[in-house]
Structures are given as structure tokens and as C-alpha cells.
N, C-alpha and C. Protein backbone atom coordinates (compact mmCIF):
# COMPACT_ATOMS: atom_id res chain seq x y z
N MET A 1 -13.11 -3.97 1.02
CA MET A 1 -12.20 -3.78 1.89
C MET A 1 -11.00 -5.04 1.69
N PRO A 2 -9.84 -4.62 1.61
CA PRO A 2 -8.69 -5.61 1.42
C PRO A 2 -8.83 -6.73 2.43
N ASP A 3 -8.21 -7.97 2.38
CA ASP A 3 -8.37 -9.07 2.95
C ASP A 3 -7.41 -8.87 4.04
N ASP A 4 -6.55 -7.68 3.99
CA ASP A 4 -5.62 -7.51 4.92
C ASP A 4 -6.16 -6.70 6.13
N GLU A 5 -6.98 -6.15 5.98
CA GLU A 5 -7.91 -5.34 6.86
C GLU A 5 -9.13 -5.61 7.51
N LEU A 6 -9.37 -5.62 8.73
CA LEU A 6 -10.56 -6.16 9.39
C LEU A 6 -11.84 -5.17 8.73
N THR A 7 -12.79 -5.71 8.72
CA THR A 7 -13.94 -4.97 8.42
C THR A 7 -14.69 -4.28 9.82
N ALA A 8 -15.42 -3.23 9.52
CA ALA A 8 -15.91 -2.50 10.72
C ALA A 8 -16.73 -3.39 11.85
N HIS A 9 -17.39 -4.55 11.04
CA HIS A 9 -18.17 -5.53 11.96
C HIS A 9 -17.07 -6.33 12.63
N GLU A 10 -16.06 -6.90 11.98
CA GLU A 10 -15.34 -7.35 12.88
C GLU A 10 -14.56 -6.79 13.94
N LYS A 11 -14.19 -5.32 13.72
CA LYS A 11 -13.27 -4.60 14.83
C LYS A 11 -14.57 -4.75 16.01
N GLN A 12 -15.80 -4.20 15.57
CA GLN A 12 -16.80 -4.11 16.78
C GLN A 12 -16.95 -5.51 17.44
N ALA A 13 -17.15 -6.34 16.75
CA ALA A 13 -17.24 -7.68 17.55
C ALA A 13 -16.22 -7.93 18.36
N LEU A 14 -14.59 -7.72 17.94
CA LEU A 14 -13.83 -7.85 18.86
C LEU A 14 -13.84 -7.22 20.18
N VAL A 15 -14.27 -5.69 19.64
CA VAL A 15 -14.22 -4.83 20.76
C VAL A 15 -15.25 -5.36 21.93
N ASN A 16 -16.51 -5.58 21.45
CA ASN A 16 -17.70 -6.11 22.15
C ASN A 16 -16.97 -7.45 23.28
N HIS A 17 -16.30 -8.42 22.65
CA HIS A 17 -16.09 -9.62 23.20
C HIS A 17 -14.81 -9.04 24.26
N TRP A 18 -13.94 -8.36 23.68
CA TRP A 18 -12.87 -7.93 24.67
C TRP A 18 -13.48 -7.30 25.96
N LEU A 19 -14.18 -6.20 25.99
CA LEU A 19 -15.01 -5.52 26.95
C LEU A 19 -15.96 -6.48 27.65
N ALA A 20 -16.49 -7.57 27.05
CA ALA A 20 -17.07 -8.57 28.04
C ALA A 20 -16.46 -9.37 28.84
N ARG A 21 -15.02 -9.48 28.51
CA ARG A 21 -14.15 -10.14 29.00
C ARG A 21 -13.34 -9.45 30.27
N GLY A 22 -13.78 -8.05 30.34
CA GLY A 22 -12.97 -7.40 31.30
C GLY A 22 -11.70 -6.85 30.85
N LYS A 23 -11.68 -6.46 29.61
CA LYS A 23 -10.51 -5.93 29.04
C LYS A 23 -9.07 -6.69 29.34
N PRO A 24 -9.12 -8.16 28.71
CA PRO A 24 -7.85 -8.90 29.17
C PRO A 24 -6.75 -8.41 28.07
N GLY A 25 -5.23 -8.47 29.02
CA GLY A 25 -4.35 -7.81 28.12
C GLY A 25 -4.01 -8.68 27.02
N LEU A 26 -3.78 -8.06 25.75
CA LEU A 26 -3.45 -8.87 24.62
C LEU A 26 -2.13 -8.58 24.24
N GLU A 27 -1.23 -9.47 24.31
CA GLU A 27 0.01 -9.48 23.91
C GLU A 27 0.56 -9.89 22.46
N PHE A 28 0.98 -8.84 21.61
CA PHE A 28 1.08 -9.18 20.20
C PHE A 28 2.50 -9.54 19.90
N GLY A 29 2.57 -10.88 19.63
CA GLY A 29 3.94 -11.56 19.40
C GLY A 29 4.78 -11.65 20.20
N TYR A 30 5.96 -11.17 19.85
CA TYR A 30 7.02 -11.09 20.92
C TYR A 30 7.37 -9.80 21.59
N ASP A 31 6.55 -8.85 21.20
CA ASP A 31 6.25 -7.33 21.75
C ASP A 31 6.35 -7.74 23.26
N ASP A 32 6.88 -6.73 23.93
CA ASP A 32 6.91 -6.60 25.49
C ASP A 32 5.91 -5.98 26.23
N TYR A 33 4.81 -5.75 25.61
CA TYR A 33 3.84 -4.84 26.13
C TYR A 33 2.47 -5.44 25.62
N CYS A 34 1.26 -5.06 26.41
CA CYS A 34 -0.03 -5.34 26.01
C CYS A 34 -0.60 -4.22 25.36
N PHE A 35 -1.60 -4.41 24.76
CA PHE A 35 -2.39 -3.33 23.96
C PHE A 35 -3.90 -3.29 24.55
N ASN A 36 -4.39 -2.05 24.19
CA ASN A 36 -5.69 -1.51 24.44
C ASN A 36 -6.39 -2.01 23.09
N LEU A 37 -7.02 -2.92 22.76
CA LEU A 37 -7.80 -3.59 21.69
C LEU A 37 -8.53 -2.51 20.89
N GLU A 38 -9.04 -1.56 21.77
CA GLU A 38 -10.00 -0.77 21.01
C GLU A 38 -8.95 0.38 20.57
N THR A 39 -8.28 0.75 21.31
CA THR A 39 -7.07 1.51 20.59
C THR A 39 -6.52 1.07 19.42
N LEU A 40 -6.29 0.14 19.54
CA LEU A 40 -5.24 -0.77 18.25
C LEU A 40 -6.29 -0.57 16.79
N LEU A 41 -7.43 -0.93 17.37
CA LEU A 41 -8.43 -1.14 16.18
C LEU A 41 -9.06 0.14 15.66
N TYR A 42 -9.13 1.12 16.33
CA TYR A 42 -9.53 2.36 15.94
C TYR A 42 -8.78 3.41 15.60
N SER A 43 -7.35 3.16 16.10
CA SER A 43 -6.27 4.19 15.94
C SER A 43 -6.19 4.61 14.58
N GLY A 44 -5.74 5.88 14.19
CA GLY A 44 -5.11 6.24 13.03
C GLY A 44 -3.82 6.41 12.87
N HIS A 45 -3.06 6.23 14.15
CA HIS A 45 -1.69 6.54 13.96
C HIS A 45 -1.23 5.42 13.25
N PRO A 46 -0.03 5.90 12.05
CA PRO A 46 0.48 4.94 11.12
C PRO A 46 0.90 3.85 11.65
N ILE A 47 1.66 3.90 12.67
CA ILE A 47 2.30 2.48 13.40
C ILE A 47 1.29 1.69 13.87
N LEU A 48 0.09 2.11 14.64
CA LEU A 48 -0.90 1.18 14.89
C LEU A 48 -1.67 0.69 13.72
N VAL A 49 -1.80 1.40 12.81
CA VAL A 49 -2.55 0.89 11.48
C VAL A 49 -1.77 -0.28 10.95
N GLU A 50 -0.60 0.04 10.69
CA GLU A 50 0.23 -1.16 10.14
C GLU A 50 0.40 -2.37 11.23
N ARG A 51 0.43 -2.09 12.37
CA ARG A 51 0.56 -3.25 13.38
C ARG A 51 -0.73 -4.09 13.23
N CYS A 52 -1.79 -3.37 13.12
CA CYS A 52 -3.25 -4.14 13.31
C CYS A 52 -3.25 -4.55 11.97
N ARG A 53 -2.94 -4.22 10.82
CA ARG A 53 -2.67 -4.90 9.22
C ARG A 53 -2.02 -6.00 9.32
N LYS A 54 -0.94 -6.12 10.08
CA LYS A 54 -0.13 -7.18 10.04
C LYS A 54 -0.47 -8.40 11.02
N ARG A 55 -1.66 -7.95 11.80
CA ARG A 55 -2.12 -9.15 12.61
C ARG A 55 -3.55 -9.43 12.18
N THR A 56 -3.97 -8.96 11.18
CA THR A 56 -5.62 -9.34 10.76
C THR A 56 -5.97 -10.53 10.83
N LEU A 57 -4.96 -11.50 10.45
CA LEU A 57 -5.17 -13.21 10.29
C LEU A 57 -5.58 -13.85 11.67
N ALA A 58 -4.47 -13.19 12.79
CA ALA A 58 -4.50 -13.53 14.33
C ALA A 58 -5.56 -12.98 14.95
N LEU A 59 -6.05 -11.77 14.50
CA LEU A 59 -7.29 -11.23 15.49
C LEU A 59 -8.48 -11.87 14.85
N ARG A 60 -8.57 -12.33 13.30
CA ARG A 60 -9.31 -13.12 13.10
C ARG A 60 -9.92 -14.44 13.70
N GLN A 61 -8.44 -15.10 13.67
CA GLN A 61 -8.73 -16.10 14.52
C GLN A 61 -9.00 -16.11 16.01
N LEU A 62 -8.88 -14.90 16.67
CA LEU A 62 -9.10 -14.80 17.83
C LEU A 62 -10.49 -14.65 18.14
N LEU A 63 -10.87 -13.85 17.00
CA LEU A 63 -12.56 -13.28 17.17
C LEU A 63 -13.23 -14.79 17.00
N ALA A 64 -12.86 -15.61 15.99
CA ALA A 64 -13.78 -16.90 15.89
C ALA A 64 -13.70 -17.67 17.21
N ARG A 65 -12.39 -17.79 17.72
CA ARG A 65 -12.21 -18.46 19.05
C ARG A 65 -13.62 -17.78 20.06
N TRP A 66 -13.23 -16.56 20.05
CA TRP A 66 -14.41 -15.85 21.12
C TRP A 66 -15.77 -16.10 20.60
N ASN A 67 -15.86 -16.00 19.50
CA ASN A 67 -17.24 -16.53 19.02
C ASN A 67 -17.78 -17.89 19.50
N ASN A 68 -16.87 -18.68 19.27
CA ASN A 68 -17.39 -20.27 19.57
C ASN A 68 -17.07 -20.33 21.19
N ASN A 69 -16.32 -19.55 21.99
CA ASN A 69 -16.38 -20.01 23.48
C ASN A 69 -16.69 -18.76 24.09
N HIS A 70 -17.60 -18.30 24.64
CA HIS A 70 -17.82 -17.09 25.46
C HIS A 70 -17.13 -16.86 26.67
N MET A 71 -16.48 -18.19 27.28
CA MET A 71 -15.99 -18.21 28.52
C MET A 71 -14.50 -18.25 28.40
N GLU A 72 -13.84 -18.17 27.16
CA GLU A 72 -12.43 -18.33 26.88
C GLU A 72 -11.61 -17.61 28.12
N VAL A 73 -11.77 -16.60 28.52
CA VAL A 73 -11.00 -15.95 29.45
C VAL A 73 -11.48 -15.89 30.89
N PRO A 74 -11.60 -17.00 31.45
CA PRO A 74 -12.02 -16.78 32.79
C PRO A 74 -11.14 -15.97 34.04
N ASN A 75 -10.41 -15.68 33.62
CA ASN A 75 -9.35 -14.76 34.68
C ASN A 75 -9.36 -13.51 33.79
N GLU A 76 -9.86 -12.46 34.23
CA GLU A 76 -9.71 -11.11 33.52
C GLU A 76 -8.32 -10.54 33.56
N SER A 77 -7.59 -10.85 34.28
CA SER A 77 -6.23 -10.52 34.33
C SER A 77 -5.15 -11.14 33.37
N GLU A 78 -5.89 -12.31 33.14
CA GLU A 78 -4.86 -13.16 32.02
C GLU A 78 -4.60 -12.59 30.67
N ILE A 79 -3.30 -12.86 30.03
CA ILE A 79 -2.91 -12.12 29.05
C ILE A 79 -3.21 -12.99 27.81
N ILE A 80 -3.70 -12.45 26.72
CA ILE A 80 -3.91 -13.47 25.58
C ILE A 80 -2.74 -13.23 24.48
N GLU A 81 -2.06 -14.10 24.02
CA GLU A 81 -1.15 -13.87 22.99
C GLU A 81 -1.96 -13.85 21.75
N VAL A 82 -1.47 -12.94 20.89
CA VAL A 82 -1.91 -12.76 19.47
C VAL A 82 -0.87 -12.85 18.56
N ARG A 83 -0.51 -13.75 17.69
CA ARG A 83 0.56 -13.83 16.74
C ARG A 83 -0.01 -13.83 15.48
N SER A 84 1.04 -13.08 14.54
CA SER A 84 0.55 -13.05 13.08
C SER A 84 0.41 -14.46 12.42
N GLY A 85 -0.04 -14.85 11.45
CA GLY A 85 0.11 -15.92 10.60
C GLY A 85 1.28 -16.23 10.31
N GLN A 86 2.48 -15.81 10.54
CA GLN A 86 3.65 -16.06 10.00
C GLN A 86 4.27 -17.27 10.90
N PRO A 87 4.94 -18.29 10.16
CA PRO A 87 5.27 -19.62 11.12
C PRO A 87 6.44 -19.00 11.65
N THR A 88 6.86 -19.61 12.89
CA THR A 88 8.00 -19.32 13.67
C THR A 88 9.00 -20.36 13.56
N LEU A 89 10.21 -20.09 13.50
CA LEU A 89 11.17 -21.13 13.80
C LEU A 89 11.88 -21.57 15.02
């Protein structure tokens, strides 16, 4: 599997953490909407597949934070921002 794609194990771990936290909203970059993480990770729709691929590094970083801190999102309604690995100006 290329480095720009999450493995099946990474996807499942992200979904498990996300569900355990009460499905907190995930805001991707500067987009004005929140995503259902499970839909994003497992969709076959070309736009969602590309969106997920562009945020692989950010999703891996989120997974690492969630793996290290099981109580990261104490408020289930909190929105978690996930940015791509691109530097911002």
C-alpha cells in the first residue's frame, strides 16, 4: 500500500477511536463542514477517496494522538480539526 493511503488497520483503529469518543465532528482543513469519519475512510466515491488520500498524514497524526491519549476529546460535541501536512502561510 502506498504511503499516501491508510492501511486497513489504521482505518479501523481511527473508526474505533472515533466511535469510542461519541463520533466527534472532524473538520477538514478550511472546509466548512464536518465529516462522518467512517464514511470518509470507507467510501469508494472518487472525491472522498482523494480527500482521504490528501489527508493521510493528518489522519495518521490524529490516530497517534488518540492512541496516546484516550481522553483527548472529553466533550463529544467538540469539533476536531484535521489539516493536511501542508504548511500554511
